[in-house]
Amino acid sequence: MSAAQRIEIAVGAVVLAVAIGFLVYVSQATGLTGGRDGGYPLTASFRSAEGVSVGTDVRLAGVKIGTVTKVRLNTETFRADTVFLVQDGVEIPDDSAVVVSSEGLLGGNFVEILPGGSPFNLAAGEEIIDTQGAVSLVSLLLKFASGGGGEEEVQ
């Protein structure tokens, strides 16, 4: 085997190792680790789940505590039914609310849990009733531009 062939084999091995390392990094960063990390499912039904898809973060107080695992249209209620997995050890009060929030003007959406004050917690598979769907930035801008602030003049 010549020196050139040895160098080609070494470079190929380095490229392969970097590719494997990149795949491991991406799978951990995106939560695609193949197995279930543990947790319990909760459900919620939104009027608009715009920007929410499988893999979207579920956050509580700005900290990621779960991931959306299923989004589907309920053809009877015309709402977006979602299922999300919450980490074990994070107990959600049964009077909590769920909101589709935005990270900013250019950021993506995430599901935010606003905890209630109930001493009773949600069990696996239960539904959070109090929901607020995504707010369309375009419709807000159009309402603002057209002067439709929703307030009537008092005479």
C-alpha atoms as a PDB file:
ATOM      1  CA  MET A   1       0.000   0.000   0.000  1.00  0.00           C
ATOM      2  CA  SER A   2       1.418   3.351  -1.019  1.00  0.00           C
ATOM      3  CA  ALA A   3       1.615   6.469   1.128  1.00  0.00           C
ATOM      4  CA  ALA A   4      -1.083   8.162  -0.957  1.00  0.00           C
ATOM      5  CA  GLN A   5      -3.536   5.315  -0.290  1.00  0.00           C
ATOM      6  CA  ARG A   6      -2.813   5.474   3.443  1.00  0.00           C
ATOM      7  CA  ILE A   7      -3.514   9.213   3.461  1.00  0.00           C
ATOM      8  CA  GLU A   8      -6.791   8.683   1.559  1.00  0.00           C
ATOM      9  CA  ILE A   9      -7.886   6.013   4.055  1.00  0.00           C
ATOM     10  CA  ALA A  10      -6.986   8.277   7.010  1.00  0.00           C
ATOM     11  CA  VAL A  11      -8.857  11.246   5.526  1.00  0.00           C
ATOM     12  CA  GLY A  12     -11.866   9.015   4.791  1.00  0.00           C
ATOM     13  CA  ALA A  13     -11.887   7.755   8.386  1.00  0.00           C
ATOM     14  CA  VAL A  14     -11.741  11.318   9.732  1.00  0.00           C
ATOM     15  CA  VAL A  15     -14.628  12.406   7.457  1.00  0.00           C
ATOM     16  CA  LEU A  16     -16.679   9.391   8.549  1.00  0.00           C
ATOM     17  CA  ALA A  17     -15.999  10.119  12.241  1.00  0.00           C
ATOM     18  CA  VAL A  18     -17.011  13.770  11.801  1.00  0.00           C
ATOM     19  CA  ALA A  19     -20.213  12.735   9.984  1.00  0.00           C
ATOM     20  CA  ILE A  20     -21.161  10.308  12.768  1.00  0.00           C
ATOM     21  CA  GLY A  21     -20.425  12.962  15.398  1.00  0.00           C
ATOM     22  CA  PHE A  22     -22.592  15.464  13.521  1.00  0.00           C
ATOM     23  CA  LEU A  23     -25.499  13.000  13.331  1.00  0.00           C
ATOM     24  CA  VAL A  24     -25.277  12.286  17.063  1.00  0.00           C
ATOM     25  CA  TYR A  25     -25.198  16.020  17.822  1.00  0.00           C
ATOM     26  CA  VAL A  26     -28.212  16.764  15.595  1.00  0.00           C
ATOM     27  CA  SER A  27     -30.254  13.910  17.046  1.00  0.00           C
ATOM     28  CA  GLN A  28     -29.599  15.118  20.604  1.00  0.00           C
ATOM     29  CA  ALA A  29     -30.187  18.795  19.785  1.00  0.00           C
ATOM     30  CA  THR A  30     -33.516  18.119  18.078  1.00  0.00           C
ATOM     31  CA  GLY A  31     -34.745  15.472  20.506  1.00  0.00           C
ATOM     32  CA  LEU A  32     -34.748  12.686  17.921  1.00  0.00           C
ATOM     33  CA  THR A  33     -32.975  10.240  20.201  1.00  0.00           C
ATOM     34  CA  GLY A  34     -35.057   7.300  19.080  1.00  0.00           C
ATOM     35  CA  GLY A  35     -36.284   6.230  22.496  1.00  0.00           C
ATOM     36  CA  ARG A  36     -38.803   7.792  24.762  1.00  0.00           C
ATOM     37  CA  ASP A  37     -37.039  10.042  27.257  1.00  0.00           C
ATOM     38  CA  GLY A  38     -39.677   9.312  29.859  1.00  0.00           C
ATOM     39  CA  GLY A  39     -42.608  11.467  30.671  1.00  0.00           C
ATOM     40  CA  TYR A  40     -46.347  11.477  30.491  1.00  0.00           C
ATOM     41  CA  PRO A  41     -48.700  12.647  27.733  1.00  0.00           C
ATOM     42  CA  LEU A  42     -51.162  15.526  28.041  1.00  0.00           C
ATOM     43  CA  THR A  43     -53.603  16.783  25.434  1.00  0.00           C
ATOM     44  CA  ALA A  44     -54.975  20.180  24.465  1.00  0.00           C
ATOM     45  CA  SER A  45     -57.256  21.472  21.732  1.00  0.00           C
ATOM     46  CA  PHE A  46     -56.436  24.810  20.056  1.00  0.00           C
ATOM     47  CA  ARG A  47     -58.506  27.078  17.830  1.00  0.00           C
ATOM     48  CA  SER A  48     -55.280  27.774  15.902  1.00  0.00           C
ATOM     49  CA  ALA A  49     -52.066  25.794  16.282  1.00  0.00           C
ATOM     50  CA  GLU A  50     -50.227  27.790  13.622  1.00  0.00           C
ATOM     51  CA  GLY A  51     -46.485  27.206  13.896  1.00  0.00           C
ATOM     52  CA  VAL A  52     -46.869  24.147  16.133  1.00  0.00           C
ATOM     53  CA  SER A  53     -45.783  20.789  14.752  1.00  0.00           C
ATOM     54  CA  VAL A  54     -44.357  17.518  16.004  1.00  0.00           C
ATOM     55  CA  GLY A  55     -41.140  18.318  17.842  1.00  0.00           C
ATOM     56  CA  THR A  56     -42.184  21.807  18.978  1.00  0.00           C
ATOM     57  CA  ASP A  57     -40.962  22.682  22.477  1.00  0.00           C
ATOM     58  CA  VAL A  58     -43.305  22.713  25.474  1.00  0.00           C
ATOM     59  CA  ARG A  59     -42.086  25.251  28.036  1.00  0.00           C
ATOM     60  CA  LEU A  60     -42.924  26.225  31.582  1.00  0.00           C
ATOM     61  CA  ALA A  61     -41.413  29.475  32.911  1.00  0.00           C
ATOM     62  CA  GLY A  62     -39.198  29.576  29.815  1.00  0.00           C
ATOM     63  CA  VAL A  63     -37.688  26.140  30.479  1.00  0.00           C
ATOM     64  CA  LYS A  64     -38.260  23.258  28.070  1.00  0.00           C
ATOM     65  CA  ILE A  65     -40.194  20.540  29.879  1.00  0.00           C
ATOM     66  CA  GLY A  66     -41.528  18.569  26.948  1.00  0.00           C
ATOM     67  CA  THR A  67     -42.202  18.147  23.267  1.00  0.00           C
ATOM     68  CA  VAL A  68     -45.276  18.064  21.041  1.00  0.00           C
ATOM     69  CA  THR A  69     -45.714  14.490  19.796  1.00  0.00           C
ATOM     70  CA  LYS A  70     -48.912  14.728  17.725  1.00  0.00           C
ATOM     71  CA  VAL A  71     -50.977  17.420  15.993  1.00  0.00           C
ATOM     72  CA  ARG A  72     -54.153  16.597  14.081  1.00  0.00           C
ATOM     73  CA  LEU A  73     -57.314  18.311  12.935  1.00  0.00           C
ATOM     74  CA  ASN A  74     -60.458  17.270  14.769  1.00  0.00           C
ATOM     75  CA  THR A  75     -63.011  17.170  11.934  1.00  0.00           C
ATOM     76  CA  GLU A  76     -65.954  17.385  14.354  1.00  0.00           C
ATOM     77  CA  THR A  77     -64.863  20.504  16.268  1.00  0.00           C
ATOM     78  CA  PHE A  78     -62.529  21.995  13.615  1.00  0.00           C
ATOM     79  CA  ARG A  79     -59.852  22.493  16.250  1.00  0.00           C
ATOM     80  CA  ALA A  80     -56.244  21.346  16.335  1.00  0.00           C
ATOM     81  CA  ASP A  81     -55.901  18.500  18.829  1.00  0.00           C
ATOM     82  CA  THR A  82     -52.360  18.192  20.175  1.00  0.00           C
ATOM     83  CA  VAL A  83     -50.607  15.651  22.326  1.00  0.00           C
ATOM     84  CA  PHE A  84     -47.418  16.571  24.115  1.00  0.00           C
ATOM     85  CA  LEU A  85     -45.048  14.713  26.383  1.00  0.00           C
ATOM     86  CA  VAL A  86     -44.109  16.328  29.720  1.00  0.00           C
ATOM     87  CA  GLN A  87     -40.995  15.226  31.634  1.00  0.00           C
ATOM     88  CA  ASP A  88     -41.473  12.959  34.614  1.00  0.00           C
ATOM     89  CA  GLY A  89     -41.194  14.886  37.861  1.00  0.00           C
ATOM     90  CA  VAL A  90     -42.860  18.020  36.440  1.00  0.00           C
ATOM     91  CA  GLU A  91     -46.385  18.075  37.820  1.00  0.00           C
ATOM     92  CA  ILE A  92     -48.885  20.410  36.172  1.00  0.00           C
ATOM     93  CA  PRO A  93     -51.849  21.745  38.230  1.00  0.00           C
ATOM     94  CA  ASP A  94     -55.210  20.737  36.758  1.00  0.00           C
ATOM     95  CA  ASP A  95     -56.347  24.378  36.338  1.00  0.00           C
ATOM     96  CA  SER A  96     -53.350  25.328  34.176  1.00  0.00           C
ATOM     97  CA  ALA A  97     -53.634  27.006  30.787  1.00  0.00           C
ATOM     98  CA  VAL A  98     -51.791  26.257  27.548  1.00  0.00           C
ATOM     99  CA  VAL A  99     -50.871  29.020  25.094  1.00  0.00           C
ATOM    100  CA  VAL A 100     -49.209  28.977  21.681  1.00  0.00           C
ATOM    101  CA  SER A 101     -46.513  31.629  22.164  1.00  0.00           C
ATOM    102  CA  SER A 102     -44.015  33.198  19.808  1.00  0.00           C
ATOM    103  CA  GLU A 103     -40.300  33.667  20.410  1.00  0.00           C
ATOM    104  CA  GLY A 104     -40.497  37.076  18.738  1.00  0.00           C
ATOM    105  CA  LEU A 105     -41.113  38.617  15.333  1.00  0.00           C
ATOM    106  CA  LEU A 106     -38.729  36.289  13.539  1.00  0.00           C
ATOM    107  CA  GLY A 107     -38.716  33.374  15.977  1.00  0.00           C
ATOM    108  CA  GLY A 108     -40.787  30.238  15.889  1.00  0.00           C
ATOM    109  CA  ASN A 109     -43.730  29.261  18.038  1.00  0.00           C
ATOM    110  CA  PHE A 110     -43.732  27.067  21.125  1.00  0.00           C
ATOM    111  CA  VAL A 111     -46.341  25.696  23.510  1.00  0.00           C
ATOM    112  CA  GLU A 112     -46.271  27.454  26.874  1.00  0.00           C
ATOM    113  CA  ILE A 113     -47.894  26.079  30.002  1.00  0.00           C
ATOM    114  CA  LEU A 114     -49.197  28.709  32.431  1.00  0.00           C
ATOM    115  CA  PRO A 115     -49.543  26.904  35.764  1.00  0.00           C
ATOM    116  CA  GLY A 116     -52.643  27.359  37.871  1.00  0.00           C
ATOM    117  CA  GLY A 117     -52.965  27.284  41.630  1.00  0.00           C
ATOM    118  CA  SER A 118     -54.880  24.059  42.143  1.00  0.00           C
ATOM    119  CA  PRO A 119     -53.511  21.541  44.637  1.00  0.00           C
ATOM    120  CA  PHE A 120     -54.543  18.749  42.244  1.00  0.00           C
ATOM    121  CA  ASN A 121     -52.320  17.775  39.319  1.00  0.00           C
ATOM    122  CA  LEU A 122     -53.066  16.455  35.853  1.00  0.00           C
ATOM    123  CA  ALA A 123     -52.612  12.728  35.336  1.00  0.00           C
ATOM    124  CA  ALA A 124     -51.187  11.093  32.229  1.00  0.00           C
ATOM    125  CA  GLY A 125     -53.507  11.427  29.251  1.00  0.00           C
ATOM    126  CA  GLU A 126     -55.685  14.187  30.706  1.00  0.00           C
ATOM    127  CA  GLU A 127     -56.678  17.255  28.700  1.00  0.00           C
ATOM    128  CA  ILE A 128     -55.886  20.865  29.517  1.00  0.00           C
ATOM    129  CA  ILE A 129     -59.137  22.701  28.805  1.00  0.00           C
ATOM    130  CA  ASP A 130     -57.995  26.337  29.046  1.00  0.00           C
ATOM    131  CA  THR A 131     -56.160  27.004  25.760  1.00  0.00           C
ATOM    132  CA  GLN A 132     -55.257  30.005  23.652  1.00  0.00           C
ATOM    133  CA  GLY A 133     -54.259  29.477  20.052  1.00  0.00           C
ATOM    134  CA  ALA A 134     -51.661  31.242  17.962  1.00  0.00           C
ATOM    135  CA  VAL A 135     -52.162  34.938  17.285  1.00  0.00           C
ATOM    136  CA  SER A 136     -51.677  35.867  13.634  1.00  0.00           C
ATOM    137  CA  LEU A 137     -49.165  38.689  13.355  1.00  0.00           C
ATOM    138  CA  VAL A 138     -50.479  39.592   9.893  1.00  0.00           C
ATOM    139  CA  SER A 139     -54.059  40.035  11.142  1.00  0.00           C
ATOM    140  CA  LEU A 140     -52.833  42.164  14.063  1.00  0.00           C
ATOM    141  CA  LEU A 141     -50.851  44.409  11.694  1.00  0.00           C
ATOM    142  CA  LEU A 142     -53.831  44.731   9.351  1.00  0.00           C
ATOM    143  CA  LYS A 143     -56.116  45.620  12.253  1.00  0.00           C
ATOM    144  CA  PHE A 144     -53.630  48.227  13.462  1.00  0.00           C
ATOM    145  CA  ALA A 145     -53.086  49.682   9.966  1.00  0.00           C
ATOM    146  CA  SER A 146     -56.819  49.957   9.290  1.00  0.00           C
ATOM    147  CA  GLY A 147     -57.456  51.673  12.620  1.00  0.00           C
ATOM    148  CA  GLY A 148     -59.659  48.836  13.854  1.00  0.00           C
ATOM    149  CA  GLY A 149     -58.426  48.934  17.407  1.00  0.00           C
ATOM    150  CA  GLY A 150     -61.743  47.602  18.680  1.00  0.00           C
ATOM    151  CA  GLU A 151     -62.503  50.684  20.822  1.00  0.00           C
ATOM    152  CA  GLU A 152     -65.528  52.793  20.002  1.00  0.00           C
ATOM    153  CA  GLU A 153     -65.539  56.570  20.352  1.00  0.00           C
ATOM    154  CA  VAL A 154     -67.524  57.960  23.265  1.00  0.00           C
ATOM    155  CA  GLN A 155     -69.571  61.057  22.484  1.00  0.00           C
END
